[in-house]
Protein backbone atom coordinates (compact mmCIF):
# COMPACT_ATOMS: atom_id res chain seq x y z
CA MET A 1 -28.70 5.70 31.61
CA THR A 2 -25.20 7.06 32.33
CA ALA A 3 -22.34 6.92 29.85
CA ASP A 4 -19.06 5.08 30.33
CA TRP A 5 -17.66 7.87 28.16
CA ILE A 6 -18.88 10.18 25.39
CA ALA A 7 -17.41 10.51 21.88
CA VAL A 8 -17.69 13.97 20.31
CA ASP A 9 -17.17 15.15 16.74
CA TRP A 10 -17.39 18.95 16.92
CA GLY A 11 -17.28 20.61 13.51
CA THR A 12 -17.74 24.14 12.25
CA SER A 13 -21.51 23.84 11.76
CA HIS A 14 -22.61 20.87 13.90
CA LEU A 15 -21.94 19.15 17.22
CA ARG A 16 -22.36 15.36 17.21
CA ALA A 17 -21.98 13.07 20.21
CA TRP A 18 -22.34 9.38 20.95
CA VAL A 19 -23.18 8.07 24.41
CA MET A 20 -20.93 5.05 24.83
CA GLN A 21 -21.10 1.87 26.87
CA GLY A 22 -17.69 0.32 26.34
CA ASP A 23 -17.16 0.29 22.58
CA GLN A 24 -20.87 0.40 21.77
CA PRO A 25 -22.85 3.58 21.04
CA VAL A 26 -26.20 3.49 22.84
CA GLN A 27 -27.43 6.95 21.85
CA ALA A 28 -26.52 9.36 19.04
CA LEU A 29 -27.01 13.07 19.71
CA GLN A 30 -26.70 16.14 17.49
CA SER A 31 -27.15 19.90 17.64
CA ASP A 32 -26.47 22.88 15.38
CA GLN A 33 -24.05 24.39 17.94
CA GLY A 34 -20.98 24.12 15.77
CA MET A 35 -17.70 25.89 16.42
CA GLY A 36 -18.59 28.68 14.01
CA ARG A 37 -21.50 29.82 16.22
CA LEU A 38 -19.70 29.82 19.60
CA ASN A 39 -17.15 31.82 21.52
CA PRO A 40 -14.85 29.94 23.93
CA ALA A 41 -17.12 30.53 26.95
CA GLU A 42 -20.10 29.00 25.14
CA PHE A 43 -18.64 25.57 24.38
CA GLU A 44 -19.24 24.00 27.80
CA PRO A 45 -22.92 25.11 27.99
CA ALA A 46 -23.51 23.88 24.43
CA LEU A 47 -22.02 20.50 25.30
CA LEU A 48 -23.98 20.19 28.56
CA ALA A 49 -27.23 21.04 26.79
CA LEU A 50 -26.70 17.94 24.69
CA ILE A 51 -25.17 15.38 27.06
CA ASP A 52 -26.25 16.37 30.59
CA PRO A 53 -28.80 13.55 31.09
CA TYR A 54 -26.10 10.94 30.44
CA LEU A 55 -23.46 12.17 32.89
CA ASP A 56 -22.70 10.30 36.11
CA PRO A 57 -23.47 12.61 39.04
CA GLU A 58 -20.92 10.87 41.28
CA GLN A 59 -17.80 10.86 39.10
CA ARG A 60 -16.18 12.47 36.08
CA THR A 61 -17.06 11.19 32.60
CA MET A 62 -14.46 11.25 29.87
CA ILE A 63 -15.55 13.37 26.89
CA LEU A 64 -13.17 12.64 23.99
CA CYS A 65 -13.44 15.21 21.20
CA CYS A 66 -12.11 15.69 17.70
CA GLY A 67 -12.63 18.38 15.08
CA MET A 68 -12.82 22.15 15.05
CA VAL A 69 -13.43 22.30 18.81
CA GLY A 70 -9.62 22.15 19.00
CA ALA A 71 -9.00 25.00 16.52
CA ALA A 72 -7.57 28.37 17.49
CA GLN A 73 -11.16 29.71 17.41
CA GLY A 74 -12.53 26.71 19.31
CA TRP A 75 -12.90 25.76 22.97
CA GLN A 76 -9.14 25.36 23.36
CA ASP A 77 -6.38 25.19 20.77
CA ALA A 78 -5.26 21.55 20.62
CA GLY A 79 -2.41 22.28 18.20
CA TYR A 80 -1.10 20.00 15.44
CA ARG A 81 1.27 17.03 15.18
CA ALA A 82 3.79 16.99 12.35
CA VAL A 83 3.70 14.33 9.63
CA PRO A 84 4.97 11.72 9.07
CA CYS A 85 3.18 10.31 12.11
CA PRO A 86 0.31 8.05 13.13
CA PRO A 87 -3.01 9.85 12.53
CA VAL A 88 -3.90 9.88 16.24
CA VAL A 89 -1.70 9.61 19.34
CA ALA A 90 -4.19 9.69 22.16
CA GLY A 91 -1.57 10.49 24.79
CA GLN A 92 -1.15 13.90 23.15
CA ALA A 93 -4.81 14.86 23.61
CA ILE A 94 -5.09 18.09 25.60
CA SER A 95 -7.21 18.47 28.72
CA VAL A 96 -9.73 21.30 28.90
CA ALA A 97 -10.52 23.01 32.19
CA ALA A 98 -14.28 22.61 32.60
CA GLY A 99 -16.44 24.31 35.19
CA ASP A 100 -18.74 21.30 35.69
CA PRO A 101 -16.98 18.72 37.94
CA ARG A 102 -18.61 15.87 36.05
CA LEU A 103 -16.65 16.62 32.88
CA ASP A 104 -13.24 15.25 31.92
CA VAL A 105 -12.83 16.83 28.47
CA ARG A 106 -9.97 15.83 26.14
CA ILE A 107 -9.38 17.16 22.60
CA LEU A 108 -7.31 15.36 19.96
CA PRO A 109 -4.83 17.52 18.01
CA GLY A 110 -4.84 17.84 14.23
CA LEU A 111 -2.01 17.17 11.77
CA LYS A 112 0.35 19.61 10.06
CA GLN A 113 2.74 19.51 7.14
CA ALA A 114 5.56 22.07 6.90
CA GLU A 115 6.25 21.93 3.15
CA PRO A 116 4.04 22.50 1.31
CA ALA A 117 2.20 24.10 4.22
CA ASP A 118 -1.01 22.25 5.07
CA VAL A 119 -3.15 21.28 8.07
CA MET A 120 -6.07 19.01 8.87
CA ARG A 121 -8.33 18.81 11.91
CA GLY A 122 -10.92 16.08 12.32
CA GLU A 123 -10.00 14.04 9.27
CA GLU A 124 -7.11 12.45 11.17
CA THR A 125 -9.66 10.73 13.45
CA GLN A 126 -11.47 9.22 10.42
CA ILE A 127 -8.11 8.00 9.13
CA ALA A 128 -7.38 6.42 12.53
CA GLY A 129 -10.76 4.69 12.41
CA PHE A 130 -9.99 3.33 8.95
CA LEU A 131 -6.56 2.05 9.98
CA ALA A 132 -7.97 0.40 13.12
CA ASP A 133 -9.66 -2.11 10.82
CA GLN A 134 -6.96 -2.14 8.09
CA PRO A 135 -3.62 -1.62 9.88
CA GLY A 136 -1.57 -2.83 6.91
CA PHE A 137 -3.05 -0.33 4.43
CA SER A 138 -0.52 1.52 2.28
CA ALA A 139 -2.14 3.62 -0.44
CA VAL A 140 -4.20 6.80 -0.78
CA LEU A 141 -7.21 8.09 1.10
CA CYS A 142 -9.39 10.88 -0.25
CA LEU A 143 -11.72 12.65 2.15
CA PRO A 144 -14.08 14.90 0.11
CA GLY A 145 -15.58 17.92 1.80
CA THR A 146 -15.50 21.70 1.92
CA HIS A 147 -11.72 21.33 1.91
CA SER A 148 -11.02 17.86 0.53
CA LYS A 149 -7.94 15.98 1.71
CA TRP A 150 -5.73 13.65 -0.33
CA VAL A 151 -3.63 11.59 2.04
CA GLN A 152 -0.76 9.18 1.48
CA VAL A 153 -0.64 6.44 4.13
CA ALA A 154 2.15 3.91 4.69
CA ASN A 155 2.98 1.61 7.62
CA GLY A 156 0.30 3.08 9.84
CA GLN A 157 1.44 6.66 9.30
CA VAL A 158 0.24 9.69 7.38
CA THR A 159 3.29 10.54 5.27
CA ARG A 160 1.96 13.52 3.30
CA PHE A 161 -1.31 15.19 2.37
CA THR A 162 -2.77 17.96 0.21
CA SER A 163 -5.95 20.00 0.76
CA PHE A 164 -8.13 21.33 -2.04
CA MET A 165 -10.70 24.10 -1.49
CA THR A 166 -12.98 22.67 -4.19
CA GLY A 167 -16.14 22.52 -2.08
CA GLU A 168 -15.76 26.04 -0.74
CA VAL A 169 -14.96 27.47 -4.18
CA PHE A 170 -18.07 25.75 -5.59
CA ALA A 171 -20.24 27.25 -2.84
CA LEU A 172 -18.79 30.73 -3.38
CA LEU A 173 -19.20 30.66 -7.15
CA ALA A 174 -22.67 29.08 -7.03
CA GLY A 175 -23.94 31.49 -4.40
CA HIS A 176 -22.04 34.76 -4.81
CA SER A 177 -20.81 35.10 -8.39
CA VAL A 178 -22.44 35.74 -11.76
CA LEU A 179 -22.77 31.95 -12.05
CA ARG A 180 -25.48 31.97 -9.39
CA HIS A 181 -27.92 32.77 -12.21
CA SER A 182 -26.93 29.63 -14.10
CA VAL A 183 -26.74 26.97 -11.35
CA GLY A 184 -29.68 24.83 -10.24
CA THR A 185 -30.46 22.91 -7.08
CA VAL A 186 -28.95 19.66 -5.80
CA ASP A 187 -31.94 17.74 -7.21
CA ASP A 188 -31.50 19.38 -10.63
CA TRP A 189 -28.54 17.44 -12.00
CA ASP A 190 -27.17 16.37 -15.39
CA ALA A 191 -24.77 13.44 -14.94
CA ALA A 192 -23.62 13.44 -18.57
CA GLN A 193 -22.66 17.13 -18.39
CA PHE A 194 -20.81 16.50 -15.12
CA LEU A 195 -18.62 13.74 -16.58
CA ALA A 196 -17.99 15.71 -19.76
CA ALA A 197 -16.82 18.68 -17.67
CA VAL A 198 -14.56 16.47 -15.53
CA GLY A 199 -12.93 15.10 -18.69
CA GLU A 200 -12.42 18.55 -20.17
CA SER A 201 -10.74 19.84 -16.99
CA LEU A 202 -8.49 16.81 -16.82
CA ARG A 203 -7.39 17.29 -20.42
CA GLN A 204 -6.94 21.08 -20.17
CA PRO A 205 -6.77 22.23 -16.53
CA GLU A 206 -5.13 25.49 -17.60
CA THR A 207 -8.39 26.71 -19.21
CA LEU A 208 -10.41 26.60 -15.98
CA LEU A 209 -11.15 30.32 -15.57
CA GLY A 210 -12.38 30.67 -19.13
CA ASP A 211 -14.36 27.45 -18.88
CA LEU A 212 -16.16 28.74 -15.79
CA PHE A 213 -17.53 31.77 -17.60
CA ALA A 214 -18.67 29.49 -20.39
CA VAL A 215 -21.15 28.00 -17.88
CA ARG A 216 -22.92 31.37 -17.81
CA ALA A 217 -22.55 32.01 -21.55
CA GLY A 218 -23.98 28.59 -22.35
CA MET A 219 -27.24 29.48 -20.65
CA LEU A 220 -27.46 32.89 -22.32
CA LEU A 221 -26.61 31.76 -25.85
CA HIS A 222 -27.66 28.11 -26.07
CA GLY A 223 -30.43 27.78 -23.51
CA ALA A 224 -28.50 25.43 -21.21
CA SER A 225 -30.55 24.49 -18.15
CA ALA A 226 -29.68 25.30 -14.54
CA GLY A 227 -29.15 21.58 -13.93
CA GLN A 228 -26.59 21.48 -16.72
CA GLY A 229 -24.94 24.59 -15.29
CA ARG A 230 -24.62 23.06 -11.82
CA ALA A 231 -23.19 19.83 -13.22
CA GLN A 232 -20.74 21.70 -15.44
CA LEU A 233 -19.52 23.90 -12.57
CA SER A 234 -19.08 20.92 -10.29
CA GLY A 235 -17.35 18.85 -12.98
CA ARG A 236 -14.97 21.65 -13.99
CA LEU A 237 -13.86 22.20 -10.41
CA LEU A 238 -13.60 18.54 -9.50
CA GLY A 239 -11.68 17.80 -12.70
CA GLN A 240 -9.28 20.60 -11.75
CA GLU A 241 -8.81 18.99 -8.32
CA LEU A 242 -8.09 15.59 -9.87
CA ALA A 243 -5.55 17.16 -12.20
CA GLY A 244 -3.80 18.70 -9.20
CA ALA A 245 -3.99 15.48 -7.19
CA ALA A 246 -2.83 13.19 -10.01
CA ALA A 247 0.32 12.19 -8.12
CA TYR A 248 -1.93 10.60 -5.48
CA TRP A 249 -4.36 8.63 -7.61
CA ARG A 250 -2.35 7.52 -10.64
CA GLU A 251 -1.30 3.88 -10.33
CA GLN A 252 -2.59 3.63 -6.74
CA GLU A 253 -5.83 2.53 -5.18
CA VAL A 254 -7.91 5.39 -3.78
CA VAL A 255 -10.25 4.88 -0.82
CA LEU A 256 -12.96 7.56 -0.54
CA ILE A 257 -14.09 8.41 2.98
CA GLY A 258 -17.07 10.70 3.51
CA ALA A 259 -20.77 11.35 2.87
CA ALA A 260 -22.34 9.05 0.31
CA ALA A 261 -23.63 11.65 -2.14
CA LEU A 262 -20.37 13.58 -2.34
CA CYS A 263 -18.25 10.43 -2.53
CA GLN A 264 -20.46 9.23 -5.40
CA HIS A 265 -19.43 12.28 -7.45
CA TYR A 266 -15.77 11.68 -6.68
CA GLN A 267 -16.06 8.00 -7.53
CA LEU A 268 -17.63 8.78 -10.93
CA ALA A 269 -14.99 11.41 -11.64
CA LEU A 270 -12.11 9.12 -10.65
CA ALA A 271 -13.54 6.30 -12.75
CA GLU A 272 -13.68 8.74 -15.69
CA ALA A 273 -9.97 9.39 -15.07
CA GLY A 274 -9.19 5.66 -14.99
CA ALA A 275 -8.45 5.34 -11.27
CA LYS A 276 -9.12 2.32 -9.07
CA VAL A 277 -11.42 3.43 -6.27
CA ARG A 278 -13.68 2.23 -3.45
CA ARG A 279 -15.90 4.00 -0.90
CA ILE A 280 -16.35 3.88 2.90
CA ASP A 281 -18.85 5.75 5.10
CA GLY A 282 -17.12 8.58 6.96
CA ASP A 283 -19.47 8.83 9.97
CA ALA A 284 -18.73 5.28 11.11
CA LEU A 285 -15.00 5.93 10.88
CA VAL A 286 -15.13 9.03 13.11
CA LEU A 287 -16.62 6.94 15.89
CA ALA A 288 -14.19 4.08 15.22
CA GLY A 289 -11.27 6.50 15.44
CA LEU A 290 -12.52 8.04 18.71
CA THR A 291 -13.13 4.56 20.15
CA ARG A 292 -9.60 3.46 19.30
CA ALA A 293 -8.21 6.69 20.75
CA ARG A 294 -10.17 6.18 23.97
CA HIS A 295 -8.60 2.75 24.45
CA ASP A 296 -5.14 4.20 23.90
CA LEU A 297 -5.81 7.18 26.16
CA THR A 298 -7.14 4.98 28.98
CA THR A 299 -3.95 2.89 28.80
CA PHE A 300 -1.80 6.02 28.70
CA ILE A 301 -3.52 7.45 31.80
CA LYS A 302 -3.15 4.17 33.74
CA GLU A 303 0.54 3.85 32.84
CA GLY A 304 1.23 7.53 33.47
């Protein structure tokens, strides 16, 4: 089987690819060769190790990529487009010089915001996938992750966005601070403690740093379990994020895009705050965004 084209989502920790026949994926592929493990010379071999059997030996195959592959530390810096703008303009994808003559590699740029300074790379393709099915959407998207994104969308354009380092801060505190002694595993969870902590952070976000140490003190003095500690830490940080993002979710619908488990926590927290919210799977939207971009890019190439 040879591919018509190949869609690639290349993140920091993983490389994912879909072998495409027209708009239909016929094979999903994945490796652990994320951007964070590679230097620029290693990207092409990592890609070929995954997709080589699906390349046409007689002609070039378009490989359309999004994500951290286009970062300054990636295969080639794809730059950023300034908001307000459509999430993806396929004609501005950059071409990468590949050694293998079968490869026609294109990387989509990210988005940037001058004031307050902010960037995104990869999420814009999920947003494009969402808008491909709902072009008239004008409200707020939230994309939870290591660096969650709150995005205002209107008339097919990203008008503004804000990133929160909530996921990364949680990982640092849970793994490398004194709180590591008080935080349990993912399976060890206390939903009631989580929602209580979200509510407390929403009511008093200024007390966050003191509240965080109380997670440790609660175990030492009151015998709180590691599951309670994990839920409290998560709830305190997520409540702080919601307090900072209130201008996005108050009096507007919020659509959550991302992994099911993480979006579930955000949905519960937003419901606790009184927000109107719904959820959509993020993986499907990456592919939808790349598929829409491939149509636009094919038209751009023919017209150009």
